[in-house]
Protein backbone atom coordinates (compact mmCIF):
# COMPACT_ATOMS: atom_id res chain seq x y z
CA MET A 1 -60.03 -63.19 -198.02
CA ARG A 2 -57.14 -61.76 -196.12
CA GLY A 3 -57.95 -58.43 -197.57
CA ARG A 4 -61.54 -59.15 -196.10
CA GLY A 5 -60.77 -59.57 -192.98
CA MET A 6 -58.76 -56.65 -192.82
CA ALA A 7 -61.43 -54.83 -194.07
CA PHE A 8 -63.32 -56.03 -191.17
CA ILE A 9 -61.28 -55.26 -188.64
CA ARG A 10 -60.53 -51.90 -189.82
CA LEU A 11 -64.76 -51.51 -189.88
CA GLY A 12 -64.96 -52.64 -186.21
CA ILE A 13 -62.29 -50.29 -185.14
CA PHE A 14 -64.15 -47.04 -186.50
CA LEU A 15 -67.29 -47.91 -185.26
CA PHE A 16 -65.87 -48.54 -181.77
CA SER A 17 -63.81 -45.04 -181.91
CA ALA A 18 -67.22 -43.88 -182.99
CA VAL A 19 -69.38 -45.16 -180.33
CA ALA A 20 -66.82 -44.40 -177.62
CA ALA A 21 -66.75 -40.86 -178.95
CA LEU A 22 -70.66 -40.64 -178.87
CA PHE A 23 -70.27 -41.78 -175.10
CA LEU A 24 -67.39 -39.15 -174.07
CA TRP A 25 -69.13 -36.41 -176.03
CA THR A 26 -72.43 -37.06 -174.17
CA ALA A 27 -70.73 -37.43 -170.37
CA GLU A 28 -68.90 -33.92 -171.34
CA ALA A 29 -72.42 -32.50 -172.05
CA GLU A 30 -74.14 -34.10 -168.95
CA GLN A 31 -70.97 -32.35 -167.11
CA ASP A 32 -72.71 -28.46 -168.10
CA VAL A 33 -76.06 -28.96 -167.54
CA HIS A 34 -75.73 -26.84 -164.11
CA TYR A 35 -74.19 -23.52 -163.65
CA THR A 36 -73.44 -22.76 -159.82
CA PRO A 37 -72.16 -19.29 -159.24
CA GLU A 38 -67.91 -19.49 -158.26
CA TYR A 39 -68.00 -16.59 -156.03
CA ASP A 40 -69.34 -16.25 -152.70
CA PRO A 41 -73.50 -15.02 -151.52
CA ALA A 42 -73.11 -11.37 -150.51
CA ASP A 43 -75.27 -9.53 -147.71
CA LEU A 44 -78.08 -7.74 -149.32
CA THR A 45 -79.51 -6.49 -146.45
CA SER A 46 -79.10 -2.91 -146.92
CA LEU A 47 -79.91 -2.93 -151.05
CA LEU A 48 -83.49 -4.23 -149.83
CA LYS A 49 -83.95 -0.98 -147.73
CA LYS A 50 -83.09 1.39 -150.33
CA THR A 51 -85.84 3.37 -152.09
CA GLU A 52 -83.57 3.88 -155.40
CA LEU A 53 -80.94 1.57 -156.55
CA SER A 54 -77.47 2.63 -158.55
CA GLU A 55 -76.42 0.76 -161.62
CA ASP A 56 -73.76 -1.32 -159.36
CA ASP A 57 -76.77 -2.50 -157.08
CA TYR A 58 -78.43 -4.02 -159.91
CA HIS A 59 -75.58 -5.62 -161.68
CA LEU A 60 -75.02 -7.10 -157.71
CA LEU A 61 -78.41 -7.97 -157.74
CA LEU A 62 -78.09 -9.64 -161.29
CA ARG A 63 -75.07 -11.50 -160.07
CA GLN A 64 -76.50 -12.53 -156.60
CA THR A 65 -80.26 -13.81 -157.66
CA GLY A 66 -80.37 -13.97 -161.17
CA LEU A 67 -83.05 -11.33 -161.72
CA ASN A 68 -82.07 -8.49 -164.05
CA ARG A 69 -82.81 -5.15 -163.84
CA ILE A 70 -86.66 -4.90 -165.43
CA GLY A 71 -87.27 -8.13 -162.91
CA VAL A 72 -85.79 -6.29 -160.02
CA GLU A 73 -87.77 -2.83 -160.54
CA GLU A 74 -91.06 -5.10 -160.63
CA LEU A 75 -90.44 -6.67 -157.44
CA TYR A 76 -89.36 -3.18 -155.85
CA ARG A 77 -92.28 -1.15 -157.35
CA GLU A 78 -94.86 -3.93 -155.78
CA GLY A 79 -92.89 -4.04 -152.22
CA ARG A 80 -91.82 -7.65 -152.77
CA GLN A 81 -87.85 -7.06 -152.76
CA ARG A 82 -87.38 -9.57 -150.01
CA GLU A 83 -88.57 -12.49 -152.57
CA LEU A 84 -84.70 -11.51 -154.05
CA LEU A 85 -83.19 -13.69 -151.11
CA TYR A 86 -85.36 -16.60 -152.06
CA LEU A 87 -83.41 -16.20 -155.34
CA GLN A 88 -80.40 -15.80 -154.06
CA GLN A 89 -81.03 -18.81 -151.91
CA ARG A 90 -81.61 -20.86 -154.81
CA LEU A 91 -79.03 -19.38 -157.17
CA PHE A 92 -76.34 -20.65 -155.03
CA ALA A 93 -77.84 -23.94 -153.59
CA PRO A 94 -76.39 -27.01 -154.52
CA ILE A 95 -78.45 -29.45 -156.39
CA GLN A 96 -78.81 -32.93 -157.64
CA TYR A 97 -80.39 -34.08 -160.70
CA GLU A 98 -80.64 -37.03 -162.61
CA CYS A 99 -80.43 -37.67 -166.41
CA CYS A 100 -83.31 -39.91 -168.30
CA VAL A 101 -84.34 -41.09 -171.79
CA SER A 102 -87.14 -38.55 -172.69
CA HIS A 103 -87.83 -39.81 -176.01
CA LEU A 104 -85.71 -42.02 -178.37
CA VAL A 105 -82.23 -41.31 -178.17
CA CYS A 106 -82.62 -37.68 -176.40
CA ARG A 107 -82.18 -37.26 -172.54
CA SER A 108 -82.98 -34.69 -170.39
CA GLU A 109 -82.13 -33.84 -167.11
CA ARG A 110 -84.08 -33.30 -163.92
CA ILE A 111 -84.01 -31.40 -160.39
CA VAL A 112 -84.53 -34.36 -158.05
CA ASP A 113 -83.64 -32.29 -154.39
CA GLU A 114 -83.58 -28.65 -154.08
CA ASN A 115 -82.58 -28.80 -150.50
CA ASP A 116 -86.33 -28.00 -149.53
CA LEU A 117 -86.52 -24.68 -150.80
CA SER A 118 -89.79 -22.98 -151.73
CA GLY A 119 -90.88 -19.85 -152.73
CA ASP A 120 -91.68 -18.29 -156.32
CA PHE A 121 -88.99 -19.33 -158.28
CA MET A 122 -89.94 -16.77 -161.17
CA PRO A 123 -91.54 -13.55 -159.48
CA ALA A 124 -91.35 -11.31 -162.37
CA VAL A 125 -92.58 -13.43 -165.14
CA ARG A 126 -95.51 -12.21 -167.46
CA ASN A 127 -97.61 -13.15 -170.63
CA GLY A 128 -95.85 -13.35 -173.79
CA ASP A 129 -92.54 -13.77 -171.96
CA ILE A 130 -90.21 -16.79 -173.49
CA LEU A 131 -88.68 -19.64 -171.24
CA ILE A 132 -85.52 -21.47 -172.80
CA THR A 133 -83.75 -24.43 -171.16
CA PHE A 134 -80.50 -26.07 -172.20
CA SER A 135 -81.41 -29.08 -170.12
CA GLY A 136 -81.83 -31.51 -172.92
CA HIS A 137 -79.29 -33.13 -175.16
CA PHE A 138 -79.23 -35.48 -178.24
CA PHE A 139 -75.86 -37.21 -177.44
CA GLY A 140 -73.32 -33.92 -176.96
CA TRP A 141 -75.44 -31.43 -178.54
CA ARG A 142 -77.84 -29.59 -176.15
CA SER A 143 -80.90 -29.12 -177.96
CA GLY A 144 -82.79 -27.43 -174.94
CA HIS A 145 -86.22 -26.48 -175.25
CA ALA A 146 -88.31 -23.68 -175.42
CA GLY A 147 -91.59 -22.39 -174.28
CA LEU A 148 -94.02 -19.33 -174.23
CA VAL A 149 -96.12 -18.19 -171.24
CA THR A 150 -99.95 -17.69 -172.24
CA ASP A 151 -101.38 -17.20 -168.56
CA ARG A 152 -99.45 -15.89 -165.86
CA GLU A 153 -102.47 -15.79 -163.56
CA ALA A 154 -103.12 -19.83 -164.15
CA GLY A 155 -99.29 -20.71 -164.62
CA LYS A 156 -99.56 -21.66 -167.99
CA VAL A 157 -96.89 -22.62 -170.78
CA LEU A 158 -97.55 -23.31 -174.67
CA GLU A 159 -94.83 -25.98 -175.76
CA ALA A 160 -94.29 -28.43 -178.42
CA PHE A 161 -92.70 -31.42 -176.45
CA ALA A 162 -91.98 -34.49 -178.44
CA LEU A 163 -92.48 -36.90 -181.42
CA GLY A 164 -95.72 -38.26 -180.91
CA GLN A 165 -97.40 -35.35 -179.17
CA LYS A 166 -99.15 -32.20 -180.07
CA SER A 167 -98.45 -28.67 -178.85
CA GLY A 168 -100.24 -27.38 -175.89
CA LEU A 169 -100.25 -25.80 -172.46
CA CYS A 170 -98.45 -27.18 -169.54
CA ASP A 171 -97.93 -25.75 -166.23
CA LEU A 172 -95.23 -23.11 -165.37
CA ASP A 173 -93.93 -25.15 -162.58
CA HIS A 174 -92.32 -27.80 -164.39
CA TRP A 175 -89.73 -25.29 -165.16
CA LYS A 176 -88.45 -25.58 -161.84
CA GLU A 177 -87.43 -29.00 -162.16
CA TYR A 178 -85.09 -27.65 -165.17
CA PRO A 179 -81.29 -27.24 -164.01
CA GLY A 180 -80.99 -24.38 -165.77
CA PHE A 181 -83.67 -21.78 -167.53
CA ALA A 182 -83.64 -17.95 -169.13
CA LEU A 183 -86.84 -15.84 -168.79
CA LEU A 184 -86.65 -13.59 -171.65
CA ARG A 185 -88.94 -10.77 -172.95
CA LEU A 186 -89.14 -8.31 -176.12
CA LYS A 187 -87.07 -5.39 -175.67
CA SER A 188 -89.10 -3.11 -177.67
CA GLY A 189 -92.93 -4.43 -177.27
CA THR A 190 -95.22 -2.78 -174.84
CA GLU A 191 -97.08 -5.01 -172.25
CA GLU A 192 -100.20 -4.82 -174.46
CA GLU A 193 -98.38 -6.15 -177.41
CA THR A 194 -97.02 -9.26 -175.98
CA GLU A 195 -100.11 -9.95 -173.99
CA GLU A 196 -101.50 -9.92 -177.45
CA ILE A 197 -99.08 -12.38 -179.23
CA ALA A 198 -99.47 -14.78 -176.32
CA ALA A 199 -103.32 -14.66 -176.49
CA TYR A 200 -102.69 -15.42 -180.55
CA ALA A 201 -100.49 -18.02 -179.58
CA ALA A 202 -102.93 -19.94 -177.30
CA SER A 203 -105.73 -19.70 -179.78
CA HIS A 204 -103.58 -20.65 -182.85
CA LEU A 205 -100.91 -22.54 -181.84
CA SER A 206 -102.30 -25.43 -179.75
CA ASP A 207 -103.11 -28.86 -181.00
CA ILE A 208 -100.08 -28.89 -183.75
CA SER A 209 -98.15 -32.22 -184.42
CA TYR A 210 -94.55 -32.03 -183.67
CA ASP A 211 -92.07 -31.79 -186.41
CA LEU A 212 -88.68 -31.78 -186.23
CA ALA A 213 -88.49 -30.79 -189.95
CA SER A 214 -90.46 -27.28 -189.08
CA PHE A 215 -88.91 -25.05 -191.24
CA LYS A 216 -89.18 -21.10 -191.04
CA ARG A 217 -90.60 -20.36 -194.60
CA GLU A 218 -93.78 -22.57 -193.31
CA ALA A 219 -94.79 -19.44 -191.14
CA ASP A 220 -93.73 -16.99 -193.82
CA GLY A 221 -96.62 -14.88 -194.32
CA VAL A 222 -97.67 -15.36 -191.89
CA SER A 223 -99.94 -18.62 -191.88
CA ASP A 224 -102.27 -18.77 -189.29
CA THR A 225 -102.33 -22.71 -189.69
CA LEU A 226 -99.16 -25.09 -189.65
CA SER A 227 -98.80 -28.76 -190.38
CA GLY A 228 -96.21 -29.01 -187.63
CA THR A 229 -93.75 -27.29 -185.22
CA GLN A 230 -90.81 -28.03 -182.59
CA CYS A 231 -90.65 -26.03 -179.39
CA ALA A 232 -88.49 -23.35 -181.07
CA HIS A 233 -90.57 -22.84 -184.06
CA LEU A 234 -93.61 -22.38 -182.24
CA VAL A 235 -92.46 -19.37 -180.39
CA TRP A 236 -90.63 -17.91 -183.31
CA THR A 237 -93.92 -18.47 -185.17
CA ALA A 238 -95.91 -16.55 -182.83
CA TYR A 239 -93.50 -13.55 -182.46
CA ALA A 240 -93.23 -13.73 -186.49
CA ARG A 241 -96.83 -13.00 -186.87
CA PHE A 242 -96.41 -9.65 -184.92
CA GLY A 243 -93.41 -8.77 -187.40
CA TYR A 244 -90.62 -10.26 -184.98
CA ASP A 245 -88.01 -12.83 -186.00
CA LEU A 246 -86.51 -13.95 -182.96
CA ASP A 247 -84.09 -16.39 -184.81
CA SER A 248 -80.41 -14.70 -184.38
CA ASP A 249 -78.83 -16.69 -187.01
CA GLY A 250 -81.38 -16.29 -190.15
CA GLY A 251 -81.18 -19.93 -190.52
CA TRP A 252 -84.22 -22.15 -192.22
CA VAL A 253 -84.25 -24.09 -188.74
CA VAL A 254 -85.02 -22.03 -185.20
CA THR A 255 -83.26 -23.53 -182.38
CA PRO A 256 -83.95 -22.80 -178.30
CA ALA A 257 -80.27 -21.13 -178.68
CA ASP A 258 -81.29 -19.32 -181.66
CA ILE A 259 -84.09 -17.70 -179.79
CA PHE A 260 -81.72 -17.20 -176.56
CA HIS A 261 -79.17 -15.41 -178.51
CA SER A 262 -81.72 -13.06 -180.23
CA GLU A 263 -80.72 -9.54 -180.08
CA LEU A 264 -84.66 -8.38 -180.09
CA LEU A 265 -84.82 -10.22 -176.49
CA GLU A 266 -83.59 -9.51 -173.19
CA VAL A 267 -83.04 -11.59 -169.84
CA VAL A 268 -85.44 -11.05 -167.13
CA GLN A 269 -84.41 -14.13 -165.23
CA ILE A 270 -81.30 -16.53 -165.35
CA TYR A 271 -80.70 -19.65 -163.42
CA GLY A 272 -77.84 -22.50 -163.31
CA ILE A 273 -76.73 -20.86 -166.56
CA ASN A 274 -73.68 -19.35 -166.87
CA TYR A 275 -74.35 -15.82 -168.45
């Protein structure tokens, strides 16, 4: 009996330690949900008047606004460079957010106060672009979320959200609620090709059941029908259909982090992520 009692004590200590470790792991993850630049805002007035920017100018604008060269060039080409001032304000503004249960034991953070800033939070997005956020976690593991822009004019993103839900079109505006996101674009693809990828995704990858066990081999071939998918798998499948493997680590399962680190993609815009 004495030996059995000691075994129960050891088991209790083990379970308590495991639960405490999970809570500490989770608390640590929730501290890293949003990155605010540790340097000061710069005066961009002179840059907005320029007709030609240097490499140093593009680097400064990325650090000050989160918009990379390809996005900056688009704004200047269309005479919209003053929108960079809003992006700068938003990048440096403090935020308030809440962390809530999204489904089962998974949690996700959302901005609840953005200091009344209003403007186009994603001014250079186009069809076929990929959205990644790490504002979601399973205990301390930041699983994140991914989406594929299918209709920029209508503000629609194709996403696979959670168990019990089927993939479908969501409003782009809800990405403004995430404390951090990255907008990614295919480096080598033409705008016509990414438009085609977006159209394919919208017509073939909607209304699919959510399945965490969605392995890449299911899309080998590449099949136009899937029995299940999850957010990163959906994005991967759309691009795999056109010969692009966006999984950076080459495993059977693709995650938002795998896509974020893909060498086939470049950052168009980043917000709230230390890049």
